[in-house]
């Protein structure tokens, strides 16, 4: 009896994973100033100063915050911009 690999199922699973919204999480640290974090958030997620300030306070008060939700490709871009100044981030699916 020969076993075959279900390649179509694996491909479908990969397609589903890449289409699910992903999240970029930003973690608090004691190294960066509020202004640094706010400016980098504005650059990364293209938001207003008010939105960036709100996210920075959420990170500060809760230890972390979801700062972006969307397609994986865009999450990777946002994550890369945040890490330009060595902010601690994580992408979750």
N, C-alpha and C. Protein backbone atom coordinates (compact mmCIF):
# COMPACT_ATOMS: atom_id res chain seq x y z
N UNK A 1 0.85 -1.18 0.00
CA UNK A 1 0.00 0.00 0.00
C UNK A 1 0.90 1.24 0.00
N UNK A 2 0.75 2.06 -0.99
CA UNK A 2 1.58 3.26 -1.11
C UNK A 2 0.81 4.45 -0.53
N UNK A 3 1.52 5.27 0.23
CA UNK A 3 0.94 6.48 0.80
C UNK A 3 1.30 7.67 -0.07
N UNK A 4 0.37 8.55 -0.28
CA UNK A 4 0.66 9.76 -1.05
C UNK A 4 0.50 10.96 -0.13
N UNK A 5 1.25 11.97 -0.42
CA UNK A 5 1.19 13.20 0.38
C UNK A 5 0.06 14.09 -0.13
N UNK A 6 -0.72 14.63 0.74
CA UNK A 6 -1.83 15.52 0.32
C UNK A 6 -1.33 16.93 0.03
N UNK A 7 -0.62 17.08 -1.08
CA UNK A 7 -0.01 18.38 -1.39
C UNK A 7 -1.05 19.47 -1.57
N UNK A 8 -2.21 19.14 -2.13
CA UNK A 8 -3.23 20.17 -2.31
C UNK A 8 -3.72 20.71 -0.97
N UNK A 9 -3.88 19.83 -0.01
CA UNK A 9 -4.33 20.27 1.32
C UNK A 9 -3.28 21.16 1.96
N UNK A 10 -2.03 20.79 1.85
CA UNK A 10 -0.98 21.62 2.43
C UNK A 10 -0.96 22.99 1.75
N UNK A 11 -1.11 23.01 0.45
CA UNK A 11 -1.13 24.28 -0.26
C UNK A 11 -2.30 25.13 0.21
N UNK A 12 -3.48 24.50 0.36
CA UNK A 12 -4.65 25.24 0.83
C UNK A 12 -4.40 25.81 2.22
N UNK A 13 -3.78 25.01 3.10
CA UNK A 13 -3.47 25.49 4.45
C UNK A 13 -2.56 26.70 4.39
N UNK A 14 -1.56 26.67 3.53
CA UNK A 14 -0.64 27.80 3.40
C UNK A 14 -1.38 29.02 2.88
N UNK A 15 -2.28 28.82 1.92
CA UNK A 15 -3.05 29.94 1.38
C UNK A 15 -3.91 30.58 2.47
N UNK A 16 -4.53 29.77 3.28
CA UNK A 16 -5.37 30.29 4.35
C UNK A 16 -4.53 31.09 5.33
N UNK A 17 -3.36 30.55 5.69
CA UNK A 17 -2.50 31.24 6.65
C UNK A 17 -2.05 32.60 6.13
N UNK A 18 -1.72 32.68 4.85
CA UNK A 18 -1.22 33.95 4.33
C UNK A 18 -2.35 34.96 4.13
N UNK A 19 -3.62 34.49 4.07
CA UNK A 19 -4.73 35.41 3.88
C UNK A 19 -5.32 35.90 5.19
N UNK A 20 -5.06 35.19 6.28
CA UNK A 20 -5.57 35.63 7.58
C UNK A 20 -4.90 36.93 7.99
N UNK A 21 -5.66 37.81 8.66
CA UNK A 21 -5.02 39.04 9.15
C UNK A 21 -3.93 38.72 10.18
N UNK A 22 -2.85 39.41 10.06
CA UNK A 22 -1.76 39.28 11.03
C UNK A 22 -1.72 40.55 11.87
N UNK A 23 -1.01 40.48 12.99
CA UNK A 23 -0.93 41.62 13.90
C UNK A 23 0.52 41.94 14.21
N UNK A 24 0.84 43.22 14.26
CA UNK A 24 2.14 43.66 14.73
C UNK A 24 1.96 44.14 16.16
N UNK A 25 2.73 43.54 17.05
CA UNK A 25 2.67 43.90 18.47
C UNK A 25 3.94 44.65 18.82
N UNK A 26 3.79 45.77 19.49
CA UNK A 26 4.91 46.57 19.96
C UNK A 26 5.00 46.43 21.47
N UNK A 27 6.20 46.14 21.96
CA UNK A 27 6.44 45.94 23.39
C UNK A 27 7.10 47.17 24.01
N UNK A 28 6.80 47.40 25.26
CA UNK A 28 7.39 48.51 26.01
C UNK A 28 8.87 48.23 26.28
N UNK A 29 9.65 49.27 26.34
CA UNK A 29 11.04 49.16 26.77
C UNK A 29 11.42 50.42 27.55
N UNK A 30 12.54 50.38 28.18
CA UNK A 30 13.01 51.51 28.98
C UNK A 30 14.09 52.30 28.24
N UNK A 31 14.24 52.04 26.96
CA UNK A 31 15.32 52.64 26.18
C UNK A 31 14.83 53.83 25.35
N UNK A 32 13.69 53.67 24.69
CA UNK A 32 13.21 54.69 23.76
C UNK A 32 12.31 55.71 24.45
N UNK A 33 12.40 56.94 23.99
CA UNK A 33 11.54 58.00 24.52
C UNK A 33 10.16 57.92 23.86
N UNK A 34 9.19 58.58 24.47
CA UNK A 34 7.86 58.63 23.86
C UNK A 34 7.93 59.24 22.47
N UNK A 35 8.71 60.31 22.33
CA UNK A 35 8.82 60.97 21.02
C UNK A 35 9.39 60.03 19.96
N UNK A 36 10.39 59.24 20.32
CA UNK A 36 10.96 58.28 19.36
C UNK A 36 9.91 57.26 18.92
N UNK A 37 9.19 56.73 19.88
CA UNK A 37 8.17 55.73 19.58
C UNK A 37 7.05 56.34 18.74
N UNK A 38 6.59 57.52 19.12
CA UNK A 38 5.52 58.19 18.38
C UNK A 38 5.95 58.47 16.94
N UNK A 39 7.13 59.01 16.76
CA UNK A 39 7.61 59.31 15.41
C UNK A 39 7.75 58.06 14.57
N UNK A 40 8.22 56.97 15.17
CA UNK A 40 8.38 55.73 14.41
C UNK A 40 7.03 55.11 14.07
N UNK A 41 6.07 55.21 14.98
CA UNK A 41 4.72 54.72 14.69
C UNK A 41 4.09 55.50 13.54
N UNK A 42 4.25 56.82 13.54
CA UNK A 42 3.72 57.64 12.44
C UNK A 42 4.33 57.19 11.12
N UNK A 43 5.61 56.95 11.12
CA UNK A 43 6.31 56.51 9.91
C UNK A 43 5.86 55.11 9.49
N UNK A 44 5.70 54.20 10.46
CA UNK A 44 5.40 52.80 10.16
C UNK A 44 3.96 52.57 9.72
N UNK A 45 3.01 53.14 10.47
CA UNK A 45 1.61 52.84 10.17
C UNK A 45 0.88 54.01 9.51
N UNK A 46 1.62 55.09 9.28
CA UNK A 46 1.08 56.26 8.56
C UNK A 46 -0.20 56.77 9.24
N UNK A 47 -0.05 57.05 10.51
CA UNK A 47 -1.20 57.52 11.30
C UNK A 47 -0.97 58.95 11.77
N UNK A 48 -1.99 59.49 12.40
CA UNK A 48 -1.90 60.83 12.96
C UNK A 48 -1.04 60.81 14.23
N UNK A 49 -0.60 61.99 14.64
CA UNK A 49 0.15 62.13 15.88
C UNK A 49 -0.70 61.66 17.06
N UNK A 50 -1.97 62.00 17.04
CA UNK A 50 -2.86 61.62 18.13
C UNK A 50 -2.97 60.10 18.26
N UNK A 51 -3.12 59.40 17.13
CA UNK A 51 -3.21 57.94 17.14
C UNK A 51 -1.90 57.34 17.64
N UNK A 52 -0.77 57.85 17.18
CA UNK A 52 0.53 57.35 17.61
C UNK A 52 0.74 57.57 19.11
N UNK A 53 0.32 58.73 19.61
CA UNK A 53 0.43 59.01 21.04
C UNK A 53 -0.42 58.03 21.85
N UNK A 54 -1.63 57.78 21.37
CA UNK A 54 -2.53 56.84 22.04
C UNK A 54 -1.93 55.44 22.10
N UNK A 55 -1.36 55.00 20.99
CA UNK A 55 -0.71 53.68 20.95
C UNK A 55 0.50 53.63 21.87
N UNK A 56 1.29 54.69 21.87
CA UNK A 56 2.48 54.74 22.73
C UNK A 56 2.08 54.64 24.20
N UNK A 57 1.00 55.33 24.59
CA UNK A 57 0.53 55.24 25.98
C UNK A 57 0.00 53.85 26.31
N UNK A 58 -0.68 53.22 25.33
CA UNK A 58 -1.16 51.85 25.55
C UNK A 58 0.01 50.89 25.77
N UNK A 59 1.05 51.04 24.96
CA UNK A 59 2.26 50.21 25.12
C UNK A 59 2.87 50.46 26.50
N UNK A 60 2.98 51.72 26.87
CA UNK A 60 3.59 52.09 28.16
C UNK A 60 2.78 51.52 29.33
N UNK A 61 1.47 51.66 29.29
CA UNK A 61 0.62 51.25 30.40
C UNK A 61 0.39 49.74 30.49
N UNK A 62 0.32 49.07 29.33
CA UNK A 62 0.00 47.64 29.31
C UNK A 62 1.20 46.74 29.03
N UNK A 63 2.33 47.33 28.69
CA UNK A 63 3.51 46.53 28.39
C UNK A 63 3.61 46.13 26.93
N UNK A 64 2.49 46.24 26.21
CA UNK A 64 2.47 45.93 24.78
C UNK A 64 1.15 46.40 24.20
N UNK A 65 1.10 46.48 22.86
CA UNK A 65 -0.14 46.84 22.18
C UNK A 65 -0.07 46.35 20.74
N UNK A 66 -1.23 46.01 20.20
CA UNK A 66 -1.33 45.71 18.77
C UNK A 66 -1.36 47.07 18.07
N UNK A 67 -0.34 47.32 17.25
CA UNK A 67 -0.25 48.62 16.59
C UNK A 67 -0.67 48.57 15.13
N UNK A 68 -0.79 47.35 14.59
CA UNK A 68 -1.24 47.22 13.20
C UNK A 68 -1.84 45.84 13.00
N UNK A 69 -2.92 45.77 12.23
CA UNK A 69 -3.54 44.51 11.83
C UNK A 69 -3.79 44.57 10.34
N UNK A 70 -3.39 43.53 9.63
CA UNK A 70 -3.60 43.51 8.18
C UNK A 70 -2.90 42.34 7.53
N UNK A 71 -2.70 42.45 6.23
CA UNK A 71 -2.05 41.39 5.46
C UNK A 71 -0.60 41.23 5.91
N UNK A 72 -0.12 40.01 5.82
CA UNK A 72 1.23 39.69 6.28
C UNK A 72 2.29 40.57 5.62
N UNK A 73 2.17 40.81 4.34
CA UNK A 73 3.17 41.63 3.63
C UNK A 73 3.28 43.02 4.24
N UNK A 74 2.14 43.62 4.56
CA UNK A 74 2.15 44.95 5.16
C UNK A 74 2.64 44.89 6.60
N UNK A 75 2.30 43.81 7.31
CA UNK A 75 2.81 43.63 8.68
C UNK A 75 4.33 43.55 8.68
N UNK A 76 4.88 42.86 7.71
CA UNK A 76 6.34 42.76 7.61
C UNK A 76 6.96 44.13 7.36
N UNK A 77 6.31 44.96 6.53
CA UNK A 77 6.82 46.31 6.27
C UNK A 77 6.76 47.15 7.53
N UNK A 78 5.61 47.14 8.22
CA UNK A 78 5.43 47.91 9.45
C UNK A 78 6.46 47.47 10.48
N UNK A 79 6.61 46.17 10.64
CA UNK A 79 7.56 45.62 11.60
C UNK A 79 8.98 46.09 11.30
N UNK A 80 9.33 46.08 10.03
CA UNK A 80 10.67 46.49 9.61
C UNK A 80 10.93 47.95 9.95
N UNK A 81 9.94 48.80 9.73
CA UNK A 81 10.09 50.23 10.04
C UNK A 81 10.26 50.43 11.55
N UNK A 82 9.45 49.73 12.34
CA UNK A 82 9.57 49.86 13.79
C UNK A 82 10.93 49.38 14.29
N UNK A 83 11.44 48.35 13.68
CA UNK A 83 12.73 47.80 14.11
C UNK A 83 13.93 48.63 13.63
N UNK A 84 13.70 49.62 12.77
CA UNK A 84 14.79 50.50 12.32
C UNK A 84 15.49 51.15 13.51
N UNK A 85 14.74 51.44 14.56
CA UNK A 85 15.34 52.06 15.75
C UNK A 85 15.41 51.07 16.92
N UNK A 86 15.32 49.79 16.58
CA UNK A 86 15.46 48.69 17.54
C UNK A 86 14.31 48.61 18.56
N UNK A 87 13.11 48.97 18.11
CA UNK A 87 11.94 48.73 18.95
C UNK A 87 11.68 47.23 18.96
N UNK A 88 11.18 46.74 20.08
CA UNK A 88 10.91 45.31 20.22
C UNK A 88 9.51 45.01 19.73
N UNK A 89 9.40 44.18 18.68
CA UNK A 89 8.12 43.87 18.07
C UNK A 89 7.96 42.37 17.88
N UNK A 90 6.73 42.01 17.50
CA UNK A 90 6.43 40.61 17.20
C UNK A 90 5.26 40.61 16.23
N UNK A 91 5.26 39.67 15.29
CA UNK A 91 4.13 39.49 14.38
C UNK A 91 3.42 38.22 14.78
N UNK A 92 2.10 38.30 14.93
CA UNK A 92 1.28 37.14 15.27
C UNK A 92 0.27 36.91 14.16
N UNK A 93 -0.03 35.64 13.94
CA UNK A 93 -1.05 35.29 12.95
C UNK A 93 -2.30 34.90 13.68
